[in-house]
Protein backbone atom coordinates (compact mmCIF):
# COMPACT_ATOMS: atom_id res chain seq x y z
CA MET A 1 -17.25 23.95 15.61
CA GLN A 2 -14.52 23.72 12.86
CA ASP A 3 -11.74 23.66 15.56
CA GLU A 4 -13.57 20.73 17.43
CA ARG A 5 -13.96 18.83 14.25
CA ILE A 6 -10.25 19.20 13.25
CA GLN A 7 -9.31 18.16 16.75
CA HIS A 8 -11.54 15.10 16.61
CA ARG A 9 -9.99 14.23 13.26
CA PHE A 10 -6.48 14.66 14.61
CA ILE A 11 -7.22 12.48 17.57
CA ASN A 12 -8.40 9.80 15.19
CA LEU A 13 -5.30 10.17 13.17
CA PHE A 14 -3.25 9.65 16.47
CA LEU A 15 -5.29 6.59 17.20
CA TYR A 16 -4.69 5.23 13.70
CA ALA A 17 -1.05 5.75 14.14
CA TRP A 18 -0.99 3.99 17.50
CA ILE A 19 -2.89 1.14 16.23
CA ALA A 20 -0.61 0.77 13.16
CA ALA A 21 2.38 0.92 15.60
CA GLY A 22 0.90 -2.14 17.56
CA ILE A 23 0.45 -4.03 14.22
CA LEU A 24 4.03 -3.27 13.09
CA PHE A 25 5.75 -3.57 16.37
CA PRO A 26 3.66 -5.85 18.52
CA SER A 27 4.38 -6.49 22.02
CA ARG A 28 5.52 -9.92 23.21
CA ALA A 29 2.00 -10.58 24.43
CA TRP A 30 0.63 -10.20 21.07
CA SER A 31 2.77 -12.89 19.47
CA ALA A 32 3.95 -15.20 22.25
CA ALA A 33 3.33 -16.09 25.83
CA THR A 34 7.05 -16.25 26.41
CA ASP A 35 9.95 -14.35 24.94
CA ALA A 36 11.54 -17.66 23.60
CA ALA A 37 10.10 -17.46 20.11
CA TYR A 38 7.82 -15.32 17.85
CA ILE A 39 5.71 -16.19 14.76
CA ARG A 40 4.88 -13.58 11.97
CA VAL A 41 2.24 -14.27 9.27
CA ASN A 42 0.54 -12.37 6.60
CA GLN A 43 -2.18 -10.74 8.62
CA LEU A 44 -4.11 -9.81 5.50
CA GLY A 45 -4.62 -13.52 4.95
CA TYR A 46 -4.05 -16.14 2.07
CA PHE A 47 -5.97 -17.27 -0.87
CA PRO A 48 -6.71 -21.03 -0.59
CA ASP A 49 -4.22 -22.20 -3.35
CA ASP A 50 -1.61 -19.69 -2.44
CA PRO A 51 1.82 -20.76 -1.00
CA LYS A 52 1.64 -20.10 2.66
CA VAL A 53 4.83 -19.48 4.53
CA ALA A 54 5.24 -18.00 7.99
CA VAL A 55 8.41 -17.01 9.81
CA SER A 56 9.44 -17.86 13.29
CA PHE A 57 12.50 -16.21 14.95
CA SER A 58 14.18 -16.68 18.35
CA ARG A 59 17.39 -15.86 20.03
CA SER A 60 17.95 -19.46 20.79
CA PRO A 61 17.80 -22.19 18.14
CA ILE A 62 14.39 -23.86 17.86
CA ASN A 63 13.35 -27.18 16.09
CA GLY A 64 10.54 -29.63 16.04
CA ARG A 65 7.19 -29.13 14.71
CA PHE A 66 4.39 -26.59 14.52
CA SER A 67 0.67 -26.82 14.13
CA VAL A 68 -2.02 -25.00 12.29
CA ILE A 69 -5.00 -24.48 14.80
CA ASP A 70 -8.58 -23.90 13.68
CA ALA A 71 -9.25 -20.65 15.58
CA ARG A 72 -13.00 -21.54 16.09
CA THR A 73 -12.57 -25.04 17.56
CA GLY A 74 -9.08 -24.84 18.87
CA LYS A 75 -8.24 -28.18 17.15
CA ALA A 76 -4.97 -28.87 15.15
CA VAL A 77 -5.79 -29.29 11.26
CA PHE A 78 -2.14 -29.55 10.08
CA SER A 79 1.32 -30.24 11.50
CA GLY A 80 4.59 -29.41 9.77
CA LYS A 81 8.28 -29.43 10.43
CA ILE A 82 10.12 -26.34 11.33
CA GLN A 83 12.51 -25.90 8.41
CA PRO A 84 16.33 -25.67 9.24
CA ASP A 85 17.76 -22.27 10.28
CA THR A 86 19.62 -21.35 6.92
CA ALA A 87 19.12 -17.51 7.06
CA PRO A 88 21.99 -15.48 8.38
CA GLU A 89 21.62 -14.49 12.10
CA TRP A 90 20.43 -10.75 12.54
CA LYS A 91 20.46 -8.96 15.75
CA GLY A 92 21.03 -12.22 17.61
CA PHE A 93 17.99 -13.96 16.11
CA HIS A 94 17.64 -17.22 14.39
CA TYR A 95 14.96 -17.39 11.54
CA TYR A 96 12.80 -20.41 10.54
CA ARG A 97 10.36 -21.01 7.75
CA LEU A 98 6.92 -22.65 8.65
CA ASP A 99 5.35 -23.85 5.34
CA PHE A 100 1.62 -24.74 5.71
CA SER A 101 0.67 -24.48 2.02
CA PRO A 102 -1.30 -27.73 2.23
CA VAL A 103 -3.99 -26.08 4.25
CA THR A 104 -6.64 -24.88 1.81
CA LEU A 105 -9.93 -25.09 3.54
CA PRO A 106 -11.41 -21.55 4.23
CA GLY A 107 -11.36 -20.44 7.83
CA GLU A 108 -9.75 -18.61 10.58
CA TYR A 109 -6.56 -20.08 11.79
CA ARG A 110 -3.44 -19.41 13.79
CA LEU A 111 0.06 -21.05 14.16
CA GLU A 112 1.50 -22.67 17.17
CA LEU A 113 4.96 -24.02 18.03
CA ALA A 114 5.17 -27.39 19.84
CA ASP A 115 5.29 -25.57 23.29
CA ARG A 116 1.86 -24.38 22.51
CA GLN A 117 2.67 -21.16 24.15
CA THR A 118 4.34 -19.47 21.05
CA ARG A 119 1.56 -18.60 18.73
CA SER A 120 0.75 -16.20 15.89
CA VAL A 121 -2.28 -13.82 15.53
CA ASP A 122 -5.27 -15.33 13.88
CA PHE A 123 -5.41 -15.04 10.19
CA GLU A 124 -7.89 -15.99 7.37
CA ILE A 125 -7.64 -18.47 4.52
CA GLY A 126 -10.36 -17.63 1.97
CA ASP A 127 -11.25 -16.30 -1.34
CA ARG A 128 -11.86 -12.82 0.07
CA GLY A 129 -8.32 -12.32 -0.03
CA TYR A 130 -7.26 -8.63 -0.10
CA SER A 131 -10.75 -7.38 -0.75
CA GLY A 132 -11.30 -3.98 0.64
CA TYR A 133 -7.62 -3.35 1.50
CA ALA A 134 -6.92 -1.28 -1.62
CA GLU A 135 -9.44 1.39 -0.36
CA ASP A 136 -7.77 1.40 3.01
CA LEU A 137 -4.47 2.18 1.46
CA LEU A 138 -5.87 4.95 -0.64
CA ALA A 139 -7.54 6.44 2.34
CA PHE A 140 -4.08 6.63 3.99
CA MET A 141 -2.66 8.45 1.01
CA ARG A 142 -5.47 10.96 1.10
CA GLN A 143 -4.81 11.44 4.70
CA GLN A 144 -1.22 12.14 3.81
CA ARG A 145 -1.88 14.95 1.28
CA CYS A 146 -0.04 18.18 1.60
CA GLY A 147 -1.55 21.56 0.33
CA TYR A 148 -5.33 20.80 0.66
CA ASN A 149 -5.80 17.90 3.21
CA PRO A 150 -9.32 16.24 2.85
CA PHE A 151 -8.95 14.23 5.93
CA LEU A 152 -8.48 17.37 8.12
CA ASP A 153 -10.18 19.71 5.70
CA LEU A 154 -7.61 22.35 5.87
CA VAL A 155 -4.79 23.86 3.67
CA CYS A 156 -1.17 23.55 4.87
CA HIS A 157 2.35 24.26 3.69
CA GLN A 158 1.36 26.88 1.03
CA ARG A 159 4.79 28.39 1.22
CA ASP A 160 6.88 25.39 -0.07
CA GLY A 161 9.53 26.22 -0.69
CA ARG A 162 12.87 28.20 -1.02
CA SER A 163 15.58 26.72 -3.09
CA ALA A 164 18.91 24.91 -2.10
CA TYR A 165 21.52 23.41 -4.44
CA GLY A 166 19.53 24.84 -7.39
CA PRO A 167 20.77 26.68 -10.46
CA MET A 168 19.45 29.80 -9.06
CA LYS A 169 20.57 31.77 -5.97
CA ASP A 170 19.87 29.91 -2.76
CA SER A 171 16.59 30.78 -0.97
CA THR A 172 14.87 31.55 -4.26
CA TYR A 173 11.14 30.91 -4.00
CA VAL A 174 10.05 27.78 -6.20
CA ASP A 175 6.54 26.42 -6.15
CA ALA A 176 6.95 22.83 -4.53
CA SER A 177 3.58 22.76 -2.82
CA GLY A 178 1.25 19.73 -3.02
CA GLY A 179 2.40 16.15 -2.86
CA TRP A 180 2.14 14.00 0.30
CA HIS A 181 3.59 14.11 3.70
CA ASP A 182 6.11 11.29 3.91
CA ALA A 183 5.16 9.62 7.22
CA GLY A 184 4.03 10.98 10.80
CA ASP A 185 6.37 13.75 10.11
CA GLN A 186 5.56 16.33 7.22
CA LEU A 187 8.59 16.27 5.01
CA LYS A 188 8.12 15.43 1.26
CA TYR A 189 10.39 13.36 -0.87
CA LEU A 190 10.42 12.57 -4.61
CA ILE A 191 12.51 9.38 -3.70
CA THR A 192 9.32 7.89 -2.12
CA SER A 193 6.56 9.76 -3.93
CA SER A 194 7.83 8.70 -7.43
CA ASN A 195 7.62 5.13 -6.34
CA ALA A 196 4.12 5.55 -4.77
CA VAL A 197 2.73 7.04 -8.02
CA ALA A 198 4.14 4.52 -10.24
CA ARG A 199 2.91 1.65 -8.00
CA MET A 200 -0.45 3.10 -7.88
CA LEU A 201 -0.41 3.38 -11.78
CA LEU A 202 0.95 -0.23 -12.09
CA ALA A 203 -1.91 -1.59 -9.82
CA TYR A 204 -4.49 0.10 -11.89
CA GLU A 205 -3.03 -1.20 -15.21
CA LEU A 206 -2.96 -4.79 -13.87
CA TYR A 207 -6.32 -4.74 -11.84
CA PRO A 208 -8.41 -1.83 -13.19
CA ASP A 209 -11.66 -3.41 -11.92
CA GLN A 210 -10.59 -3.60 -8.35
CA PHE A 211 -10.82 0.21 -7.75
CA GLY A 212 -13.96 2.13 -6.94
CA ASP A 213 -14.99 5.64 -7.36
CA GLN A 214 -16.14 7.14 -4.17
CA PHE A 215 -14.04 10.28 -3.91
CA ASN A 216 -13.36 13.52 -6.12
CA ALA A 217 -9.98 14.74 -7.22
CA LEU A 218 -9.67 16.79 -3.87
CA GLY A 219 -10.17 13.54 -1.93
CA GLN A 220 -13.68 14.55 -0.90
CA PRO A 221 -16.60 12.02 -0.67
CA GLY A 222 -18.36 11.86 -4.04
CA ALA A 223 -17.79 10.15 -7.27
CA ASN A 224 -16.17 12.11 -10.22
CA GLY A 225 -16.13 9.38 -12.94
CA ILE A 226 -12.55 8.65 -12.33
CA PRO A 227 -11.28 5.64 -10.33
CA ASP A 228 -9.95 6.85 -6.81
CA VAL A 229 -6.59 5.16 -7.46
CA LEU A 230 -5.93 7.43 -10.50
CA ASP A 231 -7.23 10.60 -8.61
CA GLU A 232 -4.58 9.90 -5.97
CA ALA A 233 -1.90 9.07 -8.58
CA ARG A 234 -2.67 12.40 -10.29
CA TRP A 235 -2.18 14.20 -7.00
CA GLY A 236 1.42 12.85 -6.99
CA LEU A 237 1.83 13.30 -10.81
CA ASP A 238 0.96 16.99 -10.46
CA TRP A 239 3.47 17.45 -7.70
CA ILE A 240 6.29 15.78 -9.88
CA HIS A 241 5.40 18.13 -12.67
CA LYS A 242 6.15 20.99 -10.23
CA LEU A 243 9.43 19.45 -9.19
CA HIS A 244 10.69 19.35 -12.84
CA PRO A 245 10.26 22.95 -13.98
CA ALA A 246 13.00 22.69 -16.58
CA PRO A 247 14.86 19.93 -18.62
CA ASP A 248 17.89 20.35 -16.36
CA GLN A 249 16.06 20.85 -12.99
CA LEU A 250 14.54 18.34 -10.39
CA ILE A 251 13.68 19.10 -6.89
CA HIS A 252 13.84 15.98 -4.77
CA GLN A 253 12.94 16.93 -1.14
CA VAL A 254 11.08 19.55 0.70
CA ALA A 255 11.91 20.07 4.32
CA ASP A 256 14.27 18.11 6.45
CA ASP A 257 14.60 16.80 9.99
CA ARG A 258 14.01 20.33 11.46
CA ASP A 259 10.47 19.21 11.03
CA HIS A 260 10.60 16.91 13.83
CA ARG A 261 9.02 18.96 16.62
CA GLY A 262 6.58 16.38 17.93
CA TRP A 263 2.82 15.97 17.15
CA LYS A 264 1.64 19.04 15.26
CA MET A 265 -1.10 20.06 12.96
CA PRO A 266 0.18 20.56 9.48
CA ASP A 267 -1.37 24.05 8.95
CA GLN A 268 0.26 25.23 12.31
CA ASP A 269 3.71 23.80 11.72
CA PRO A 270 6.13 25.40 14.13
CA SER A 271 9.22 24.19 12.17
CA ASP A 272 11.52 27.07 11.44
CA TYR A 273 13.93 26.81 8.46
CA GLY A 274 15.26 30.39 8.75
CA TRP A 275 12.17 32.21 7.64
CA GLY A 276 10.08 31.90 10.75
CA PRO A 277 7.81 29.19 12.03
CA ASN A 278 4.95 27.84 9.72
CA SER A 279 6.57 29.62 6.86
CA TYR A 280 8.73 28.75 3.98
CA ARG A 281 10.58 25.38 3.97
CA VAL A 282 13.77 24.36 2.07
CA ALA A 283 13.33 22.69 -1.35
CA TYR A 284 16.49 20.68 -2.28
CA PHE A 285 17.35 20.51 -6.00
CA ALA A 286 19.04 17.25 -7.13
CA ASP A 287 22.32 18.07 -8.50
CA GLY A 288 23.98 14.59 -8.22
CA GLN A 289 26.38 15.78 -5.56
CA PRO A 290 26.45 15.07 -1.68
CA GLN A 291 24.22 17.39 0.17
CA GLY A 292 23.39 18.58 3.58
CA LEU A 293 22.99 22.09 5.09
CA GLY A 294 23.84 20.84 8.59
CA LYS A 295 26.29 18.48 10.23
CA PHE A 296 25.49 15.32 8.06
CA LYS A 297 26.03 14.90 4.37
CA SER A 298 24.20 12.57 1.97
CA LYS A 299 25.96 10.38 -0.62
CA ALA A 300 25.40 11.00 -4.35
CA THR A 301 26.75 10.13 -7.78
CA GLY A 302 23.86 11.37 -10.01
CA VAL A 303 20.14 11.68 -10.31
CA ALA A 304 18.98 8.70 -12.37
CA ASN A 305 17.29 6.90 -9.60
CA LEU A 306 14.84 9.90 -9.19
CA ALA A 307 14.64 10.82 -12.92
CA GLY A 308 14.25 7.22 -14.08
CA ARG A 309 11.52 6.24 -11.66
CA SER A 310 9.68 9.53 -12.24
CA ALA A 311 9.90 9.03 -15.98
CA ALA A 312 8.31 5.53 -15.62
CA ALA A 313 5.42 6.87 -13.73
CA MET A 314 4.89 9.70 -16.27
CA ALA A 315 5.04 7.20 -19.15
CA MET A 316 2.50 5.05 -17.43
CA ALA A 317 0.31 8.01 -16.83
CA HIS A 318 0.54 8.99 -20.43
CA ARG A 319 -0.90 5.61 -21.48
CA ILE A 320 -3.66 5.60 -18.90
CA TRP A 321 -4.80 9.13 -19.37
CA LYS A 322 -4.83 8.72 -23.20
CA LYS A 323 -6.54 5.38 -23.37
CA ASP A 324 -8.73 5.06 -20.43
CA LEU A 325 -9.59 8.80 -19.54
CA ARG A 326 -9.52 10.16 -22.91
CA ASP A 327 -7.64 13.28 -21.61
CA THR A 328 -5.14 13.85 -24.41
CA LEU A 329 -3.80 17.09 -23.05
CA TYR A 330 -2.81 15.58 -19.75
CA ALA A 331 -1.52 12.50 -21.49
CA GLU A 332 0.76 14.46 -23.74
CA LYS A 333 1.96 16.63 -20.81
CA CYS A 334 2.94 13.46 -19.03
CA LEU A 335 4.71 12.01 -22.08
CA LYS A 336 6.64 15.16 -22.47
CA ALA A 337 7.72 15.05 -18.79
CA ALA A 338 8.52 11.52 -19.11
CA VAL A 339 10.97 11.99 -22.07
CA SER A 340 12.57 15.16 -20.28
CA LEU A 341 13.09 13.20 -16.89
CA TYR A 342 14.52 10.04 -18.65
CA ALA A 343 16.95 12.33 -20.64
CA LEU A 344 18.12 14.02 -17.39
CA GLY A 345 18.68 10.56 -15.82
CA LYS A 346 20.87 9.56 -18.85
CA ALA A 347 22.78 12.93 -18.58
CA LYS A 348 23.43 12.47 -14.86
CA GLU A 349 23.65 8.66 -14.17
CA GLY A 350 24.02 7.63 -10.67
CA TYR A 351 21.90 8.08 -7.39
CA GLN A 352 20.76 10.87 -5.08
CA GLN A 353 19.87 10.20 -1.65
CA GLY A 354 17.66 12.08 0.86
CA ASN A 355 19.07 14.77 3.00
CA SER A 356 19.28 15.35 6.63
CA TYR A 357 20.13 18.33 8.77
CA SER A 358 21.10 17.39 12.28
CA ALA A 359 20.13 13.74 12.43
CA PRO A 360 22.28 10.75 10.94
CA TYR A 361 19.43 9.00 9.24
CA ARG A 362 18.12 9.68 5.72
CA TYR A 363 16.76 7.80 2.65
CA THR A 364 20.05 5.92 1.66
CA GLU A 365 19.11 4.58 -1.75
CA ASP A 366 22.22 3.60 -3.71
CA THR A 367 21.03 1.99 -6.87
CA TRP A 368 19.75 3.56 -10.01
CA THR A 369 20.10 1.28 -13.12
CA ASP A 370 16.80 -0.47 -12.22
CA ASP A 371 15.02 2.69 -12.37
CA MET A 372 16.41 3.70 -15.61
CA GLU A 373 15.46 0.23 -16.96
CA TRP A 374 11.96 0.89 -15.67
CA GLY A 375 11.75 4.28 -17.23
CA ALA A 376 13.05 3.13 -20.50
CA ALA A 377 10.81 0.12 -20.72
CA GLU A 378 7.61 2.38 -19.85
CA LEU A 379 8.75 4.89 -22.54
CA TYR A 380 9.22 2.12 -25.16
CA LYS A 381 5.67 0.84 -24.37
CA ALA A 382 4.46 4.51 -24.63
CA THR A 383 6.28 5.44 -27.77
CA GLY A 384 7.44 2.36 -29.54
CA ARG A 385 10.88 3.92 -30.09
CA PRO A 386 13.57 1.14 -30.27
CA ASP A 387 16.26 3.35 -28.66
CA TYR A 388 14.32 2.97 -25.38
CA LEU A 389 14.12 -0.76 -25.71
CA ARG A 390 17.88 -0.92 -26.27
CA ASP A 391 18.44 1.32 -23.17
CA ALA A 392 16.21 -1.01 -21.17
CA ASN A 393 18.25 -4.01 -22.05
CA THR A 394 21.45 -2.15 -21.36
CA TYR A 395 20.34 -1.09 -17.87
CA ALA A 396 18.78 -4.53 -17.07
């Protein structure tokens, strides 16, 4: 019964991924009746008073007008001029803006070019806006959890990981379990997870009333008195704490493209990093130097992009857990980590990229001052120390 339930959930996961691929990379039939031109709109919709700009692109120059069509009646409610092609050509396409901001009446609409064959998907204008989508995004994050995965109700990757590029002997065991699988694959990156945590905390600070409490800390159904967005952020915060076991140490990646073995259940991962399939995975320490255990090497000049962004997340967590959740112990733990991570970033200014093994692609982030600015600003808000404010202005 358990196996059947897991198989059913995995099939659902595959279907979700297939549907998402259709949304992100639609076929020509989805967007246009011909391959002459395409239209992209905000599929989540627009508030009535929002600026409303769509993008049309084509391999051949286009001009003339476009129309906004009432999806219910099929009648045009607005006509606008296609704005001139000013964006640089990319991969052989010309790009155009379609501004239909004057349309404010709530309803379902689509855009059409003058040929009436090139059209967008239907979209909504209305006060509902993004209602409900925050919960969908959090559901996806829960689905991506590594360690205990509530979507599949199983435990995976408990042997993450063994060290590379750390201060200790290579292949030393370090606890890097937890966090989130990065995508359809099952790698884990600080470069993305730090941003995900910080964005969730920022969303909560800006709109605390927009998040419900329907799941517990493990991601299982049932309220626990904590907004679900903070439960999910803490899943990432706890992982970042593990990745920073000492003031001069920061793990930035677990696993690499050896993971890419096709569709697989996370608790039955056949990937082999030298310790057998479904066993230990490599945990890369950020040392500010180019890295790569195989053919390809990353670029690196420091660790400040990772440390600064992680410090920002920890400083925000300090404020939220202290003020809103009244958990002073966890708040102080986060503040201590924020101060330590920021100091590490100052000591090793520069960027650390993601690593690959036998593939040429990786996360190629090559900026870091914005992350240190963010970290300094959040630490100033958390502590009131003027040196953090000076640093934020310096990095800005």
